[in-house]
Amino acid sequence: MQHWPDRLWIIRHGQSAGNVARDAAHEAELDRIAISGRDVDVPLSRLGEEQADALGHWFASGAEGDRPDVLLSSPYRRALQTARHFRDAGGAALDERICMDERLREKEFGVLDGLTTRGIASHFPDQAGFRRTLGKFYHRPPGGESWCDVILRLRSLLDTVSLHYSGRRVMIFAHQVVVLCLRYIIENLDEAAILAIDREGDVANCSVTEYRFDPDAGRNGNLVLERYNATAPMVAEHAAVTRAPDPIVAARG
């Protein structure tokens, strides 16, 4: 009996205003990223909208069976905007509902929220030391999450996906750490393996990570990685590819 979707795509949101602000803060060697309001409300930049449109056009140019029929999204504004631009550009049926799931939200950074790496070292040297000792996988800042915490909620999310969307074509819109942590769960990786993938480079905005169900993979079949961090949709439409981390990713994990 099949317990997984036929296809599963995991998309990192398009470039956000926070990505731009983060780059500016690091270039100016500031302690804080200039973002007003909540991280959850940070919108896409104009380039991020173009990237999401390009992704939708790329899927629209394929066969109907190669488009998602289930759309799941982080409740963060930049992820929801990416999903809407994707759908409205033809990536999925225009009447396809975008289902928000808070388990797909960005990793929570607690007291380190909004700080650059320089800012963390300046304002919370003890946390900078704990992170060096524990590593980003296990370090949990006060009021925030470790990667393990994110993985725990994503295991629950995947249980829901397998229960309700078996045999469907599912697309998830989320964040960089979520993309990596989903790989960790689906591929049964360990800490060293996922951190090695992370060191290879940031997950590009609007990049595609794709799994296909293979009935011969494992006793009852499993999801098999087809592509990771693919930017072909942006390249095809001449939209700039950006690999900036999420606004607070200088402190992620």
C-alpha atoms as a PDB file:
ATOM      1  CA  MET A   1       0.000   0.000   0.000  1.00  0.00           C
ATOM      2  CA  GLN A   2       1.396   3.390  -1.036  1.00  0.00           C
ATOM      3  CA  HIS A   3       1.776   5.878   1.816  1.00  0.00           C
ATOM      4  CA  TRP A   4       3.499   8.731  -0.043  1.00  0.00           C
ATOM      5  CA  PRO A   5       2.573  11.229  -2.764  1.00  0.00           C
ATOM      6  CA  ASP A   6       3.518  10.253  -6.316  1.00  0.00           C
ATOM      7  CA  ARG A   7       5.500  13.487  -6.556  1.00  0.00           C
ATOM      8  CA  LEU A   8       6.707  15.855  -3.877  1.00  0.00           C
ATOM      9  CA  TRP A   9       8.244  19.232  -4.666  1.00  0.00           C
ATOM     10  CA  ILE A  10       9.772  21.428  -1.968  1.00  0.00           C
ATOM     11  CA  ILE A  11      10.249  25.076  -2.919  1.00  0.00           C
ATOM     12  CA  ARG A  12      12.109  27.750  -1.047  1.00  0.00           C
ATOM     13  CA  HIS A  13      10.280  31.094  -1.246  1.00  0.00           C
ATOM     14  CA  GLY A  14      11.424  33.786  -3.700  1.00  0.00           C
ATOM     15  CA  GLN A  15      13.860  36.500  -2.713  1.00  0.00           C
ATOM     16  CA  SER A  16      12.393  38.554   0.116  1.00  0.00           C
ATOM     17  CA  ALA A  17      12.857  42.118   1.275  1.00  0.00           C
ATOM     18  CA  GLY A  18      14.549  40.548   4.280  1.00  0.00           C
ATOM     19  CA  ASN A  19      17.162  38.860   2.092  1.00  0.00           C
ATOM     20  CA  VAL A  20      18.020  42.261   0.625  1.00  0.00           C
ATOM     21  CA  ALA A  21      18.154  43.899   4.070  1.00  0.00           C
ATOM     22  CA  ARG A  22      20.387  41.137   5.406  1.00  0.00           C
ATOM     23  CA  ASP A  23      22.916  41.611   2.600  1.00  0.00           C
ATOM     24  CA  ALA A  24      22.958  45.361   3.254  1.00  0.00           C
ATOM     25  CA  ALA A  25      23.503  44.819   7.004  1.00  0.00           C
ATOM     26  CA  HIS A  26      26.446  42.494   6.426  1.00  0.00           C
ATOM     27  CA  GLU A  27      28.008  44.777   3.843  1.00  0.00           C
ATOM     28  CA  ALA A  28      27.752  47.702   6.278  1.00  0.00           C
ATOM     29  CA  GLU A  29      28.991  45.499   9.176  1.00  0.00           C
ATOM     30  CA  LEU A  30      25.906  46.245  11.275  1.00  0.00           C
ATOM     31  CA  ASP A  31      24.706  44.316  14.315  1.00  0.00           C
ATOM     32  CA  ARG A  32      21.066  44.257  13.264  1.00  0.00           C
ATOM     33  CA  ILE A  33      19.144  43.706  10.060  1.00  0.00           C
ATOM     34  CA  ALA A  34      16.934  46.682   9.193  1.00  0.00           C
ATOM     35  CA  ILE A  35      13.533  45.007   9.168  1.00  0.00           C
ATOM     36  CA  SER A  36      10.553  46.692  10.793  1.00  0.00           C
ATOM     37  CA  GLY A  37       7.775  44.529  12.149  1.00  0.00           C
ATOM     38  CA  ARG A  38       7.626  40.759  12.387  1.00  0.00           C
ATOM     39  CA  ASP A  39       9.674  38.334  10.329  1.00  0.00           C
ATOM     40  CA  VAL A  40       6.431  36.528   9.481  1.00  0.00           C
ATOM     41  CA  ASP A  41       5.234  39.648   7.617  1.00  0.00           C
ATOM     42  CA  VAL A  42       8.342  40.218   5.451  1.00  0.00           C
ATOM     43  CA  PRO A  43       7.178  40.287   1.786  1.00  0.00           C
ATOM     44  CA  LEU A  44       8.822  39.205  -1.431  1.00  0.00           C
ATOM     45  CA  SER A  45      11.031  41.675  -3.235  1.00  0.00           C
ATOM     46  CA  ARG A  46      10.153  42.546  -6.829  1.00  0.00           C
ATOM     47  CA  LEU A  47      12.793  40.060  -7.965  1.00  0.00           C
ATOM     48  CA  GLY A  48      11.239  37.442  -5.678  1.00  0.00           C
ATOM     49  CA  GLU A  49       7.887  37.935  -7.422  1.00  0.00           C
ATOM     50  CA  GLU A  50       9.591  37.494 -10.804  1.00  0.00           C
ATOM     51  CA  GLN A  51      11.243  34.294  -9.590  1.00  0.00           C
ATOM     52  CA  ALA A  52       7.909  32.873  -8.405  1.00  0.00           C
ATOM     53  CA  ASP A  53       6.282  33.800 -11.715  1.00  0.00           C
ATOM     54  CA  ALA A  54       9.122  32.096 -13.607  1.00  0.00           C
ATOM     55  CA  LEU A  55       8.617  28.947 -11.545  1.00  0.00           C
ATOM     56  CA  GLY A  56       4.905  28.956 -12.360  1.00  0.00           C
ATOM     57  CA  HIS A  57       5.529  29.483 -16.072  1.00  0.00           C
ATOM     58  CA  TRP A  58       8.028  26.606 -16.092  1.00  0.00           C
ATOM     59  CA  PHE A  59       5.505  24.182 -14.594  1.00  0.00           C
ATOM     60  CA  ALA A  60       2.724  25.546 -16.841  1.00  0.00           C
ATOM     61  CA  SER A  61       4.782  24.644 -19.910  1.00  0.00           C
ATOM     62  CA  GLY A  62       4.842  20.967 -18.904  1.00  0.00           C
ATOM     63  CA  ALA A  63       2.223  18.258 -19.037  1.00  0.00           C
ATOM     64  CA  GLU A  64      -0.838  18.459 -16.777  1.00  0.00           C
ATOM     65  CA  GLY A  65       0.363  15.391 -14.903  1.00  0.00           C
ATOM     66  CA  ASP A  66       3.606  17.179 -14.078  1.00  0.00           C
ATOM     67  CA  ARG A  67       1.875  19.977 -12.161  1.00  0.00           C
ATOM     68  CA  PRO A  68       0.992  19.795  -8.463  1.00  0.00           C
ATOM     69  CA  ASP A  69      -2.598  19.193  -7.401  1.00  0.00           C
ATOM     70  CA  VAL A  70      -1.935  19.947  -3.711  1.00  0.00           C
ATOM     71  CA  LEU A  71      -0.317  23.201  -2.527  1.00  0.00           C
ATOM     72  CA  LEU A  72       0.964  23.505   1.049  1.00  0.00           C
ATOM     73  CA  SER A  73       2.630  26.630   2.395  1.00  0.00           C
ATOM     74  CA  SER A  74       4.292  28.132   5.415  1.00  0.00           C
ATOM     75  CA  PRO A  75       2.055  30.894   6.818  1.00  0.00           C
ATOM     76  CA  TYR A  76       4.887  33.423   6.406  1.00  0.00           C
ATOM     77  CA  ARG A  77       3.975  36.137   3.922  1.00  0.00           C
ATOM     78  CA  ARG A  78       6.929  35.539   1.589  1.00  0.00           C
ATOM     79  CA  ALA A  79       6.094  31.837   1.256  1.00  0.00           C
ATOM     80  CA  LEU A  80       2.382  32.453   0.683  1.00  0.00           C
ATOM     81  CA  GLN A  81       3.165  35.123  -1.923  1.00  0.00           C
ATOM     82  CA  THR A  82       5.465  32.672  -3.704  1.00  0.00           C
ATOM     83  CA  ALA A  83       2.702  30.054  -3.767  1.00  0.00           C
ATOM     84  CA  ARG A  84       0.151  32.541  -5.099  1.00  0.00           C
ATOM     85  CA  HIS A  85       2.439  33.883  -7.815  1.00  0.00           C
ATOM     86  CA  PHE A  86       3.286  30.304  -8.800  1.00  0.00           C
ATOM     87  CA  ARG A  87      -0.377  29.302  -9.062  1.00  0.00           C
ATOM     88  CA  ASP A  88      -1.484  32.480 -10.817  1.00  0.00           C
ATOM     89  CA  ALA A  89       1.308  32.068 -13.384  1.00  0.00           C
ATOM     90  CA  GLY A  90      -0.130  28.686 -14.373  1.00  0.00           C
ATOM     91  CA  GLY A  91       1.908  26.393 -12.143  1.00  0.00           C
ATOM     92  CA  ALA A  92      -1.298  24.869 -10.741  1.00  0.00           C
ATOM     93  CA  ALA A  93      -5.027  25.187 -11.392  1.00  0.00           C
ATOM     94  CA  LEU A  94      -6.238  28.702 -10.604  1.00  0.00           C
ATOM     95  CA  ASP A  95      -8.884  27.333  -8.244  1.00  0.00           C
ATOM     96  CA  GLU A  96      -6.349  25.189  -6.368  1.00  0.00           C
ATOM     97  CA  ARG A  97      -6.488  26.098  -2.697  1.00  0.00           C
ATOM     98  CA  ILE A  98      -3.242  27.001  -0.940  1.00  0.00           C
ATOM     99  CA  CYS A  99      -3.298  25.251   2.437  1.00  0.00           C
ATOM    100  CA  MET A 100      -1.310  26.973   5.177  1.00  0.00           C
ATOM    101  CA  ASP A 101       0.419  24.814   7.735  1.00  0.00           C
ATOM    102  CA  GLU A 102       2.278  26.465  10.615  1.00  0.00           C
ATOM    103  CA  ARG A 103       4.582  23.444  10.887  1.00  0.00           C
ATOM    104  CA  LEU A 104       6.252  24.722   7.707  1.00  0.00           C
ATOM    105  CA  ARG A 105       7.143  28.083   9.298  1.00  0.00           C
ATOM    106  CA  GLU A 106      10.681  29.443   9.401  1.00  0.00           C
ATOM    107  CA  LYS A 107      13.006  28.261  12.143  1.00  0.00           C
ATOM    108  CA  GLU A 108      12.452  30.441  15.209  1.00  0.00           C
ATOM    109  CA  PHE A 109      15.515  32.369  16.373  1.00  0.00           C
ATOM    110  CA  GLY A 110      14.345  33.615  19.776  1.00  0.00           C
ATOM    111  CA  VAL A 111      16.578  36.278  21.326  1.00  0.00           C
ATOM    112  CA  LEU A 112      18.837  36.181  18.246  1.00  0.00           C
ATOM    113  CA  ASP A 113      16.010  37.338  15.978  1.00  0.00           C
ATOM    114  CA  GLY A 114      17.180  40.081  13.613  1.00  0.00           C
ATOM    115  CA  LEU A 115      20.867  39.917  14.540  1.00  0.00           C
ATOM    116  CA  THR A 116      23.736  39.410  12.137  1.00  0.00           C
ATOM    117  CA  THR A 117      26.624  37.099  13.012  1.00  0.00           C
ATOM    118  CA  ARG A 118      28.497  40.183  14.206  1.00  0.00           C
ATOM    119  CA  GLY A 119      25.510  41.220  16.311  1.00  0.00           C
ATOM    120  CA  ILE A 120      25.261  37.825  17.990  1.00  0.00           C
ATOM    121  CA  ALA A 121      28.932  37.897  18.935  1.00  0.00           C
ATOM    122  CA  SER A 122      28.517  41.427  20.297  1.00  0.00           C
ATOM    123  CA  HIS A 123      25.205  41.124  22.180  1.00  0.00           C
ATOM    124  CA  PHE A 124      25.119  37.416  23.075  1.00  0.00           C
ATOM    125  CA  PRO A 125      28.703  36.137  23.242  1.00  0.00           C
ATOM    126  CA  ASP A 126      27.558  33.255  25.462  1.00  0.00           C
ATOM    127  CA  GLN A 127      25.161  32.059  22.754  1.00  0.00           C
ATOM    128  CA  ALA A 128      27.865  32.397  20.127  1.00  0.00           C
ATOM    129  CA  GLY A 129      30.016  30.165  22.318  1.00  0.00           C
ATOM    130  CA  PHE A 130      27.247  27.616  22.876  1.00  0.00           C
ATOM    131  CA  ARG A 131      26.655  27.440  19.144  1.00  0.00           C
ATOM    132  CA  ARG A 132      30.341  26.775  18.479  1.00  0.00           C
ATOM    133  CA  THR A 133      30.310  24.020  21.079  1.00  0.00           C
ATOM    134  CA  LEU A 134      26.994  22.367  20.204  1.00  0.00           C
ATOM    135  CA  GLY A 135      26.904  23.097  16.472  1.00  0.00           C
ATOM    136  CA  LYS A 136      23.992  24.558  14.531  1.00  0.00           C
ATOM    137  CA  PHE A 137      22.105  21.246  14.495  1.00  0.00           C
ATOM    138  CA  TYR A 138      21.625  21.063  18.264  1.00  0.00           C
ATOM    139  CA  HIS A 139      22.015  24.655  19.479  1.00  0.00           C
ATOM    140  CA  ARG A 140      18.718  26.158  20.647  1.00  0.00           C
ATOM    141  CA  PRO A 141      18.835  29.923  21.338  1.00  0.00           C
ATOM    142  CA  PRO A 142      16.673  31.146  24.235  1.00  0.00           C
ATOM    143  CA  GLY A 143      13.097  31.404  22.995  1.00  0.00           C
ATOM    144  CA  GLY A 144      14.045  29.798  19.682  1.00  0.00           C
ATOM    145  CA  GLU A 145      14.493  26.422  18.002  1.00  0.00           C
ATOM    146  CA  SER A 146      17.299  24.067  17.121  1.00  0.00           C
ATOM    147  CA  TRP A 147      17.287  22.187  13.824  1.00  0.00           C
ATOM    148  CA  CYS A 148      16.098  19.177  15.861  1.00  0.00           C
ATOM    149  CA  ASP A 149      13.044  21.152  16.968  1.00  0.00           C
ATOM    150  CA  VAL A 150      12.227  21.986  13.354  1.00  0.00           C
ATOM    151  CA  ILE A 151      12.672  18.320  12.400  1.00  0.00           C
ATOM    152  CA  LEU A 152      10.253  17.258  15.139  1.00  0.00           C
ATOM    153  CA  ARG A 153       7.409  19.387  13.765  1.00  0.00           C
ATOM    154  CA  LEU A 154       8.235  18.365  10.192  1.00  0.00           C
ATOM    155  CA  ARG A 155       7.953  14.683  11.076  1.00  0.00           C
ATOM    156  CA  SER A 156       4.383  15.470  12.112  1.00  0.00           C
ATOM    157  CA  LEU A 157       3.836  17.385   8.879  1.00  0.00           C
ATOM    158  CA  LEU A 158       5.005  14.437   6.776  1.00  0.00           C
ATOM    159  CA  ASP A 159       2.679  12.123   8.705  1.00  0.00           C
ATOM    160  CA  THR A 160      -0.181  14.378   7.617  1.00  0.00           C
ATOM    161  CA  VAL A 161       1.045  14.398   4.011  1.00  0.00           C
ATOM    162  CA  SER A 162       1.272  10.603   3.894  1.00  0.00           C
ATOM    163  CA  LEU A 163      -2.178  10.224   5.503  1.00  0.00           C
ATOM    164  CA  HIS A 164      -4.107  12.695   3.334  1.00  0.00           C
ATOM    165  CA  TYR A 165      -2.170  13.004   0.072  1.00  0.00           C
ATOM    166  CA  SER A 166      -1.048   9.486  -0.818  1.00  0.00           C
ATOM    167  CA  GLY A 167      -0.772   9.140  -4.588  1.00  0.00           C
ATOM    168  CA  ARG A 168      -1.179  12.905  -5.146  1.00  0.00           C
ATOM    169  CA  ARG A 169       1.235  15.503  -6.536  1.00  0.00           C
ATOM    170  CA  VAL A 170       2.191  17.771  -3.631  1.00  0.00           C
ATOM    171  CA  MET A 171       4.146  21.035  -3.636  1.00  0.00           C
ATOM    172  CA  ILE A 172       5.428  22.652  -0.433  1.00  0.00           C
ATOM    173  CA  PHE A 173       6.467  26.322  -0.170  1.00  0.00           C
ATOM    174  CA  ALA A 174       8.714  27.018   2.786  1.00  0.00           C
ATOM    175  CA  HIS A 175      12.157  28.191   3.923  1.00  0.00           C
ATOM    176  CA  GLN A 176      15.799  27.197   3.621  1.00  0.00           C
ATOM    177  CA  VAL A 177      16.130  25.310   6.915  1.00  0.00           C
ATOM    178  CA  VAL A 178      12.799  23.567   6.259  1.00  0.00           C
ATOM    179  CA  VAL A 179      14.031  22.349   2.855  1.00  0.00           C
ATOM    180  CA  LEU A 180      17.160  20.904   4.454  1.00  0.00           C
ATOM    181  CA  CYS A 181      15.325  19.349   7.401  1.00  0.00           C
ATOM    182  CA  LEU A 182      12.805  17.676   5.090  1.00  0.00           C
ATOM    183  CA  ARG A 183      15.718  16.133   3.199  1.00  0.00           C
ATOM    184  CA  TYR A 184      17.101  14.916   6.528  1.00  0.00           C
ATOM    185  CA  ILE A 185      13.825  13.107   7.333  1.00  0.00           C
ATOM    186  CA  ILE A 186      12.883  11.770   3.907  1.00  0.00           C
ATOM    187  CA  GLU A 187      16.364  10.456   3.082  1.00  0.00           C
ATOM    188  CA  ASN A 188      17.090   9.206   6.614  1.00  0.00           C
ATOM    189  CA  LEU A 189      20.266  11.296   6.847  1.00  0.00           C
ATOM    190  CA  ASP A 190      22.361  11.964   9.923  1.00  0.00           C
ATOM    191  CA  GLU A 191      23.720  15.229  11.328  1.00  0.00           C
ATOM    192  CA  ALA A 192      27.019  15.032   9.440  1.00  0.00           C
ATOM    193  CA  ALA A 193      25.331  14.336   6.100  1.00  0.00           C
ATOM    194  CA  ILE A 194      22.800  17.184   6.241  1.00  0.00           C
ATOM    195  CA  LEU A 195      25.374  19.697   7.474  1.00  0.00           C
ATOM    196  CA  ALA A 196      27.681  18.675   4.624  1.00  0.00           C
ATOM    197  CA  ILE A 197      24.858  19.433   2.165  1.00  0.00           C
ATOM    198  CA  ASP A 198      24.278  22.761   3.917  1.00  0.00           C
ATOM    199  CA  ARG A 199      27.976  23.685   3.588  1.00  0.00           C
ATOM    200  CA  GLU A 200      27.809  23.166  -0.173  1.00  0.00           C
ATOM    201  CA  GLY A 201      25.806  26.380  -0.471  1.00  0.00           C
ATOM    202  CA  ASP A 202      22.534  28.096   0.351  1.00  0.00           C
ATOM    203  CA  VAL A 203      19.266  26.844  -1.054  1.00  0.00           C
ATOM    204  CA  ALA A 204      18.459  29.201  -3.929  1.00  0.00           C
ATOM    205  CA  ASN A 205      15.282  31.275  -3.842  1.00  0.00           C
ATOM    206  CA  CYS A 206      12.494  29.474  -5.730  1.00  0.00           C
ATOM    207  CA  SER A 207      14.735  26.485  -6.373  1.00  0.00           C
ATOM    208  CA  VAL A 208      13.131  23.075  -6.848  1.00  0.00           C
ATOM    209  CA  THR A 209      13.789  19.991  -4.741  1.00  0.00           C
ATOM    210  CA  GLU A 210      11.835  17.059  -6.156  1.00  0.00           C
ATOM    211  CA  TYR A 211      11.030  13.525  -5.004  1.00  0.00           C
ATOM    212  CA  ARG A 212       9.257  10.729  -6.895  1.00  0.00           C
ATOM    213  CA  PHE A 213       7.604   7.718  -5.347  1.00  0.00           C
ATOM    214  CA  ASP A 214       9.415   4.505  -6.266  1.00  0.00           C
ATOM    215  CA  PRO A 215       7.495   1.344  -5.348  1.00  0.00           C
ATOM    216  CA  ASP A 216      10.723  -0.657  -5.470  1.00  0.00           C
ATOM    217  CA  ALA A 217      12.619   1.569  -3.028  1.00  0.00           C
ATOM    218  CA  GLY A 218      12.328  -0.172   0.326  1.00  0.00           C
ATOM    219  CA  ARG A 219       9.812  -2.747   1.492  1.00  0.00           C
ATOM    220  CA  ASN A 220       6.739  -0.593   0.768  1.00  0.00           C
ATOM    221  CA  GLY A 221       8.275   1.900  -1.621  1.00  0.00           C
ATOM    222  CA  ASN A 222       9.701   5.286  -0.778  1.00  0.00           C
ATOM    223  CA  LEU A 223      10.375   8.786  -2.038  1.00  0.00           C
ATOM    224  CA  VAL A 224      13.523   9.052  -4.141  1.00  0.00           C
ATOM    225  CA  LEU A 225      15.347  12.336  -4.729  1.00  0.00           C
ATOM    226  CA  GLU A 226      15.158  13.433  -8.373  1.00  0.00           C
ATOM    227  CA  ARG A 227      16.727  16.882  -8.101  1.00  0.00           C
ATOM    228  CA  TYR A 228      17.917  19.278  -5.420  1.00  0.00           C
ATOM    229  CA  ASN A 229      18.256  23.061  -5.470  1.00  0.00           C
ATOM    230  CA  ALA A 230      17.460  23.199  -9.180  1.00  0.00           C
ATOM    231  CA  THR A 231      17.214  26.696 -10.657  1.00  0.00           C
ATOM    232  CA  ALA A 232      16.254  25.798 -14.240  1.00  0.00           C
ATOM    233  CA  PRO A 233      12.921  27.723 -14.059  1.00  0.00           C
ATOM    234  CA  MET A 234      14.693  31.023 -13.360  1.00  0.00           C
ATOM    235  CA  VAL A 235      17.406  30.381 -15.923  1.00  0.00           C
ATOM    236  CA  ALA A 236      14.800  29.556 -18.573  1.00  0.00           C
ATOM    237  CA  GLU A 237      13.056  32.888 -18.033  1.00  0.00           C
ATOM    238  CA  HIS A 238      16.228  34.934 -17.451  1.00  0.00           C
ATOM    239  CA  ALA A 239      15.179  35.774 -13.890  1.00  0.00           C
ATOM    240  CA  ALA A 240      18.150  36.348 -11.610  1.00  0.00           C
ATOM    241  CA  VAL A 241      19.060  33.420  -9.378  1.00  0.00           C
ATOM    242  CA  THR A 242      19.604  34.435  -5.749  1.00  0.00           C
ATOM    243  CA  ARG A 243      21.012  32.314  -2.962  1.00  0.00           C
ATOM    244  CA  ALA A 244      20.774  34.810  -0.103  1.00  0.00           C
ATOM    245  CA  PRO A 245      19.859  33.170   3.198  1.00  0.00           C
ATOM    246  CA  ASP A 246      16.615  34.077   4.931  1.00  0.00           C
ATOM    247  CA  PRO A 247      16.772  37.401   6.817  1.00  0.00           C
ATOM    248  CA  ILE A 248      18.102  35.953  10.056  1.00  0.00           C
ATOM    249  CA  VAL A 249      19.904  32.954   8.649  1.00  0.00           C
ATOM    250  CA  ALA A 250      23.270  34.347   9.714  1.00  0.00           C
ATOM    251  CA  ALA A 251      22.195  32.983  13.069  1.00  0.00           C
ATOM    252  CA  ARG A 252      20.261  29.985  11.874  1.00  0.00           C
ATOM    253  CA  GLY A 253      20.556  26.973  14.137  1.00  0.00           C
END
